[in-house]
PDB file of all heavy atoms in Angstrom:
ATOM      1  N   GLY A   1       0.814  -1.214   0.000  1.00  0.00           N
ATOM      2  CA  GLY A   1       0.000   0.000   0.000  1.00  0.00           C
ATOM      3  C   GLY A   1       0.845   1.260   0.000  1.00  0.00           C
ATOM      4  O   GLY A   1       1.853   1.359   0.704  1.00  0.00           O
ATOM      5  N   ASP A   2       0.436   2.244  -0.796  1.00  0.00           N
ATOM      6  CA  ASP A   2       1.143   3.520  -0.867  1.00  0.00           C
ATOM      7  C   ASP A   2       0.767   4.339   0.366  1.00  0.00           C
ATOM      8  O   ASP A   2      -0.409   4.603   0.620  1.00  0.00           O
ATOM      9  CB  ASP A   2       0.746   4.258  -2.147  1.00  0.00           C
ATOM     10  CG  ASP A   2       1.466   5.584  -2.311  1.00  0.00           C
ATOM     11  OD1 ASP A   2       1.011   6.572  -1.686  1.00  0.00           O
ATOM     12  OD2 ASP A   2       2.457   5.633  -3.048  1.00  0.00           O
ATOM     13  N   LEU A   3       1.787   4.785   1.118  1.00  0.00           N
ATOM     14  CA  LEU A   3       1.545   5.471   2.386  1.00  0.00           C
ATOM     15  C   LEU A   3       0.798   6.795   2.182  1.00  0.00           C
ATOM     16  O   LEU A   3      -0.126   7.123   2.947  1.00  0.00           O
ATOM     17  CB  LEU A   3       2.874   5.724   3.098  1.00  0.00           C
ATOM     18  CG  LEU A   3       2.781   6.268   4.523  1.00  0.00           C
ATOM     19  CD1 LEU A   3       2.033   5.315   5.441  1.00  0.00           C
ATOM     20  CD2 LEU A   3       4.187   6.545   5.074  1.00  0.00           C
ATOM     21  N   THR A   4       1.158   7.547   1.159  1.00  0.00           N
ATOM     22  CA  THR A   4       0.500   8.835   0.910  1.00  0.00           C
ATOM     23  C   THR A   4      -0.965   8.645   0.550  1.00  0.00           C
ATOM     24  O   THR A   4      -1.853   9.327   1.069  1.00  0.00           O
ATOM     25  CB  THR A   4       1.227   9.606  -0.211  1.00  0.00           C
ATOM     26  OG1 THR A   4       2.588   9.811   0.176  1.00  0.00           O
ATOM     27  CG2 THR A   4       0.563  10.941  -0.467  1.00  0.00           C
ATOM     28  N   LYS A   5      -1.216   7.702  -0.369  1.00  0.00           N
ATOM     29  CA  LYS A   5      -2.607   7.399  -0.725  1.00  0.00           C
ATOM     30  C   LYS A   5      -3.376   6.903   0.499  1.00  0.00           C
ATOM     31  O   LYS A   5      -4.513   7.310   0.744  1.00  0.00           O
ATOM     32  CB  LYS A   5      -2.662   6.326  -1.822  1.00  0.00           C
ATOM     33  CG  LYS A   5      -2.149   6.744  -3.175  1.00  0.00           C
ATOM     34  CD  LYS A   5      -2.232   5.567  -4.150  1.00  0.00           C
ATOM     35  CE  LYS A   5      -1.571   5.871  -5.474  1.00  0.00           C
ATOM     36  NZ  LYS A   5      -1.577   4.689  -6.378  1.00  0.00           N
ATOM     37  N   GLY A   6      -2.728   6.012   1.250  1.00  0.00           N
ATOM     38  CA  GLY A   6      -3.394   5.403   2.399  1.00  0.00           C
ATOM     39  C   GLY A   6      -3.818   6.434   3.441  1.00  0.00           C
ATOM     40  O   GLY A   6      -4.934   6.384   3.963  1.00  0.00           O
ATOM     41  N   LYS A   7      -2.923   7.371   3.745  1.00  0.00           N
ATOM     42  CA  LYS A   7      -3.245   8.406   4.742  1.00  0.00           C
ATOM     43  C   LYS A   7      -4.479   9.198   4.320  1.00  0.00           C
ATOM     44  O   LYS A   7      -5.395   9.447   5.124  1.00  0.00           O
ATOM     45  CB  LYS A   7      -2.054   9.342   4.927  1.00  0.00           C
ATOM     46  CG  LYS A   7      -0.882   8.722   5.665  1.00  0.00           C
ATOM     47  CD  LYS A   7       0.380   9.572   5.553  1.00  0.00           C
ATOM     48  CE  LYS A   7       0.252  10.900   6.272  1.00  0.00           C
ATOM     49  NZ  LYS A   7       1.532  11.639   6.266  1.00  0.00           N
ATOM     50  N   ALA A   8      -4.527   9.585   3.059  1.00  0.00           N
ATOM     51  CA  ALA A   8      -5.648  10.398   2.573  1.00  0.00           C
ATOM     52  C   ALA A   8      -6.943   9.595   2.511  1.00  0.00           C
ATOM     53  O   ALA A   8      -8.008  10.076   2.921  1.00  0.00           O
ATOM     54  CB  ALA A   8      -5.316  10.961   1.190  1.00  0.00           C
ATOM     55  N   ILE A   9      -6.862   8.368   2.013  1.00  0.00           N
ATOM     56  CA  ILE A   9      -8.060   7.537   1.855  1.00  0.00           C
ATOM     57  C   ILE A   9      -8.666   7.197   3.208  1.00  0.00           C
ATOM     58  O   ILE A   9      -9.875   7.324   3.427  1.00  0.00           O
ATOM     59  CB  ILE A   9      -7.722   6.253   1.057  1.00  0.00           C
ATOM     60  CG1 ILE A   9      -7.436   6.598  -0.404  1.00  0.00           C
ATOM     61  CG2 ILE A   9      -8.858   5.230   1.166  1.00  0.00           C
ATOM     62  CD1 ILE A   9      -6.852   5.456  -1.207  1.00  0.00           C
ATOM     63  N   ILE A  10      -7.831   6.755   4.139  1.00  0.00           N
ATOM     64  CA  ILE A  10      -8.327   6.341   5.453  1.00  0.00           C
ATOM     65  C   ILE A  10      -8.919   7.541   6.199  1.00  0.00           C
ATOM     66  O   ILE A  10      -9.987   7.438   6.809  1.00  0.00           O
ATOM     67  CB  ILE A  10      -7.192   5.676   6.257  1.00  0.00           C
ATOM     68  CG1 ILE A  10      -6.811   4.338   5.601  1.00  0.00           C
ATOM     69  CG2 ILE A  10      -7.606   5.459   7.715  1.00  0.00           C
ATOM     70  CD1 ILE A  10      -5.480   3.782   6.068  1.00  0.00           C
ATOM     71  N   HIS A  11      -8.245   8.669   6.124  1.00  0.00           N
ATOM     72  CA  HIS A  11      -8.747   9.868   6.797  1.00  0.00           C
ATOM     73  C   HIS A  11     -10.101  10.288   6.218  1.00  0.00           C
ATOM     74  O   HIS A  11     -11.043  10.592   6.953  1.00  0.00           O
ATOM     75  CB  HIS A  11      -7.731  11.007   6.661  1.00  0.00           C
ATOM     76  CG  HIS A  11      -8.148  12.265   7.336  1.00  0.00           C
ATOM     77  ND1 HIS A  11      -8.597  13.371   6.639  1.00  0.00           N
ATOM     78  CD2 HIS A  11      -8.221  12.603   8.655  1.00  0.00           C
ATOM     79  CE1 HIS A  11      -8.920  14.323   7.493  1.00  0.00           C
ATOM     80  NE2 HIS A  11      -8.691  13.894   8.722  1.00  0.00           N
ATOM     81  N   ASN A  12     -10.202  10.297   4.901  1.00  0.00           N
ATOM     82  CA  ASN A  12     -11.451  10.700   4.263  1.00  0.00           C
ATOM     83  C   ASN A  12     -12.587   9.717   4.568  1.00  0.00           C
ATOM     84  O   ASN A  12     -13.703  10.129   4.896  1.00  0.00           O
ATOM     85  CB  ASN A  12     -11.243  10.800   2.750  1.00  0.00           C
ATOM     86  CG  ASN A  12     -12.511  11.204   2.020  1.00  0.00           C
ATOM     87  OD1 ASN A  12     -13.175  10.384   1.387  1.00  0.00           O
ATOM     88  ND2 ASN A  12     -12.860  12.482   2.098  1.00  0.00           N
ATOM     89  N   ALA A  13     -12.278   8.431   4.488  1.00  0.00           N
ATOM     90  CA  ALA A  13     -13.312   7.416   4.717  1.00  0.00           C
ATOM     91  C   ALA A  13     -13.837   7.453   6.145  1.00  0.00           C
ATOM     92  O   ALA A  13     -15.009   7.157   6.397  1.00  0.00           O
ATOM     93  CB  ALA A  13     -12.768   6.026   4.389  1.00  0.00           C
ATOM     94  N   LYS A  14     -12.984   7.840   7.092  1.00  0.00           N
ATOM     95  CA  LYS A  14     -13.401   7.856   8.498  1.00  0.00           C
ATOM     96  C   LYS A  14     -14.017   9.183   8.913  1.00  0.00           C
ATOM     97  O   LYS A  14     -15.006   9.205   9.667  1.00  0.00           O
ATOM     98  CB  LYS A  14     -12.196   7.557   9.405  1.00  0.00           C
ATOM     99  CG  LYS A  14     -12.495   7.556  10.901  1.00  0.00           C
ATOM    100  CD  LYS A  14     -13.412   6.414  11.335  1.00  0.00           C
ATOM    101  CE  LYS A  14     -14.846   6.759  11.525  1.00  0.00           C
ATOM    102  NZ  LYS A  14     -15.679   5.630  11.972  1.00  0.00           N
ATOM    103  N   THR A  15     -13.460  10.287   8.449  1.00  0.00           N
ATOM    104  CA  THR A  15     -13.823  11.580   9.063  1.00  0.00           C
ATOM    105  C   THR A  15     -14.711  12.471   8.209  1.00  0.00           C
ATOM    106  O   THR A  15     -15.228  13.469   8.712  1.00  0.00           O
ATOM    107  CB  THR A  15     -12.557  12.382   9.431  1.00  0.00           C
ATOM    108  OG1 THR A  15     -11.862  12.762   8.232  1.00  0.00           O
ATOM    109  CG2 THR A  15     -11.637  11.557  10.322  1.00  0.00           C
ATOM    110  N   ARG A  16     -14.894  12.173   6.909  1.00  0.00           N
ATOM    111  CA  ARG A  16     -15.690  13.079   6.070  1.00  0.00           C
ATOM    112  C   ARG A  16     -17.079  13.281   6.668  1.00  0.00           C
ATOM    113  O   ARG A  16     -17.517  14.393   6.897  1.00  0.00           O
ATOM    114  CB  ARG A  16     -15.814  12.537   4.641  1.00  0.00           C
ATOM    115  CG  ARG A  16     -16.422  13.539   3.658  1.00  0.00           C
ATOM    116  CD  ARG A  16     -16.870  12.877   2.366  1.00  0.00           C
ATOM    117  NE  ARG A  16     -18.077  12.114   2.563  1.00  0.00           N
ATOM    118  CZ  ARG A  16     -19.324  12.614   2.482  1.00  0.00           C
ATOM    119  NH1 ARG A  16     -19.498  13.888   2.212  1.00  0.00           N
ATOM    120  NH2 ARG A  16     -20.379  11.841   2.677  1.00  0.00           N
ATOM    121  N   ARG A  17     -17.779  12.192   6.909  1.00  0.00           N
ATOM    122  CA  ARG A  17     -19.048  12.230   7.648  1.00  0.00           C
ATOM    123  C   ARG A  17     -19.138  10.911   8.407  1.00  0.00           C
ATOM    124  O   ARG A  17     -19.656   9.912   7.896  1.00  0.00           O
ATOM    125  CB  ARG A  17     -20.256  12.400   6.721  1.00  0.00           C
ATOM    126  CG  ARG A  17     -20.503  13.826   6.292  1.00  0.00           C
ATOM    127  CD  ARG A  17     -21.881  14.015   5.690  1.00  0.00           C
ATOM    128  NE  ARG A  17     -22.945  13.939   6.689  1.00  0.00           N
ATOM    129  CZ  ARG A  17     -24.247  13.956   6.407  1.00  0.00           C
ATOM    130  NH1 ARG A  17     -24.639  14.061   5.146  1.00  0.00           N
ATOM    131  NH2 ARG A  17     -25.150  13.884   7.362  1.00  0.00           N
ATOM    132  N   PRO A  18     -18.635  10.860   9.611  1.00  0.00           N
ATOM    133  CA  PRO A  18     -18.562   9.587  10.347  1.00  0.00           C
ATOM    134  C   PRO A  18     -19.910   8.971  10.674  1.00  0.00           C
ATOM    135  O   PRO A  18     -19.984   7.787  10.978  1.00  0.00           O
ATOM    136  CB  PRO A  18     -17.801   9.961  11.628  1.00  0.00           C
ATOM    137  CG  PRO A  18     -17.941  11.434  11.748  1.00  0.00           C
ATOM    138  CD  PRO A  18     -18.013  11.966  10.353  1.00  0.00           C
ATOM    139  N   SER A  19     -20.991   9.756  10.583  1.00  0.00           N
ATOM    140  CA  SER A  19     -22.300   9.235  10.970  1.00  0.00           C
ATOM    141  C   SER A  19     -23.035   8.530   9.839  1.00  0.00           C
ATOM    142  O   SER A  19     -24.159   8.066  10.026  1.00  0.00           O
ATOM    143  CB  SER A  19     -23.179  10.383  11.486  1.00  0.00           C
ATOM    144  OG  SER A  19     -23.473  11.302  10.448  1.00  0.00           O
ATOM    145  N   VAL A  20     -22.418   8.429   8.657  1.00  0.00           N
ATOM    146  CA  VAL A  20     -23.112   7.801   7.536  1.00  0.00           C
ATOM    147  C   VAL A  20     -22.612   6.377   7.321  1.00  0.00           C
ATOM    148  O   VAL A  20     -21.549   5.982   7.803  1.00  0.00           O
ATOM    149  CB  VAL A  20     -22.955   8.636   6.244  1.00  0.00           C
ATOM    150  CG1 VAL A  20     -23.618   9.995   6.410  1.00  0.00           C
ATOM    151  CG2 VAL A  20     -21.490   8.803   5.863  1.00  0.00           C
ATOM    152  N   CYS A  21     -23.404   5.614   6.545  1.00  0.00           N
ATOM    153  CA  CYS A  21     -23.172   4.165   6.471  1.00  0.00           C
ATOM    154  C   CYS A  21     -21.945   3.775   5.660  1.00  0.00           C
ATOM    155  O   CYS A  21     -21.496   2.632   5.747  1.00  0.00           O
ATOM    156  CB  CYS A  21     -24.412   3.461   5.923  1.00  0.00           C
ATOM    157  SG  CYS A  21     -24.941   4.064   4.298  1.00  0.00           S
ATOM    158  N   ASN A  22     -21.376   4.697   4.859  1.00  0.00           N
ATOM    159  CA  ASN A  22     -20.185   4.322   4.086  1.00  0.00           C
ATOM    160  C   ASN A  22     -18.883   4.717   4.765  1.00  0.00           C
ATOM    161  O   ASN A  22     -17.813   4.618   4.179  1.00  0.00           O
ATOM    162  CB  ASN A  22     -20.254   4.924   2.675  1.00  0.00           C
ATOM    163  CG  ASN A  22     -20.372   6.437   2.674  1.00  0.00           C
ATOM    164  OD1 ASN A  22     -19.942   7.105   3.614  1.00  0.00           O
ATOM    165  ND2 ASN A  22     -20.970   6.993   1.626  1.00  0.00           N
ATOM    166  N   SER A  23     -18.953   5.176   6.015  1.00  0.00           N
ATOM    167  CA  SER A  23     -17.733   5.588   6.717  1.00  0.00           C
ATOM    168  C   SER A  23     -16.966   4.373   7.241  1.00  0.00           C
ATOM    169  O   SER A  23     -17.548   3.340   7.564  1.00  0.00           O
ATOM    170  CB  SER A  23     -18.055   6.545   7.867  1.00  0.00           C
ATOM    171  OG  SER A  23     -18.818   5.901   8.855  1.00  0.00           O
ATOM    172  N   LEU A  24     -15.676   4.508   7.338  1.00  0.00           N
ATOM    173  CA  LEU A  24     -14.784   3.407   7.724  1.00  0.00           C
ATOM    174  C   LEU A  24     -14.983   3.007   9.185  1.00  0.00           C
ATOM    175  O   LEU A  24     -15.022   3.863  10.068  1.00  0.00           O
ATOM    176  CB  LEU A  24     -13.329   3.833   7.491  1.00  0.00           C
ATOM    177  CG  LEU A  24     -12.236   2.849   7.902  1.00  0.00           C
ATOM    178  CD1 LEU A  24     -12.341   1.554   7.108  1.00  0.00           C
ATOM    179  CD2 LEU A  24     -10.871   3.492   7.709  1.00  0.00           C
TER     180      LEU A  24
END
């Protein structure tokens, strides 16, 4: 896994809207 991609993807998936069903 690419560390730069991973940091951005994981952060977005978890914090964009944590209360919705597609959040990490």
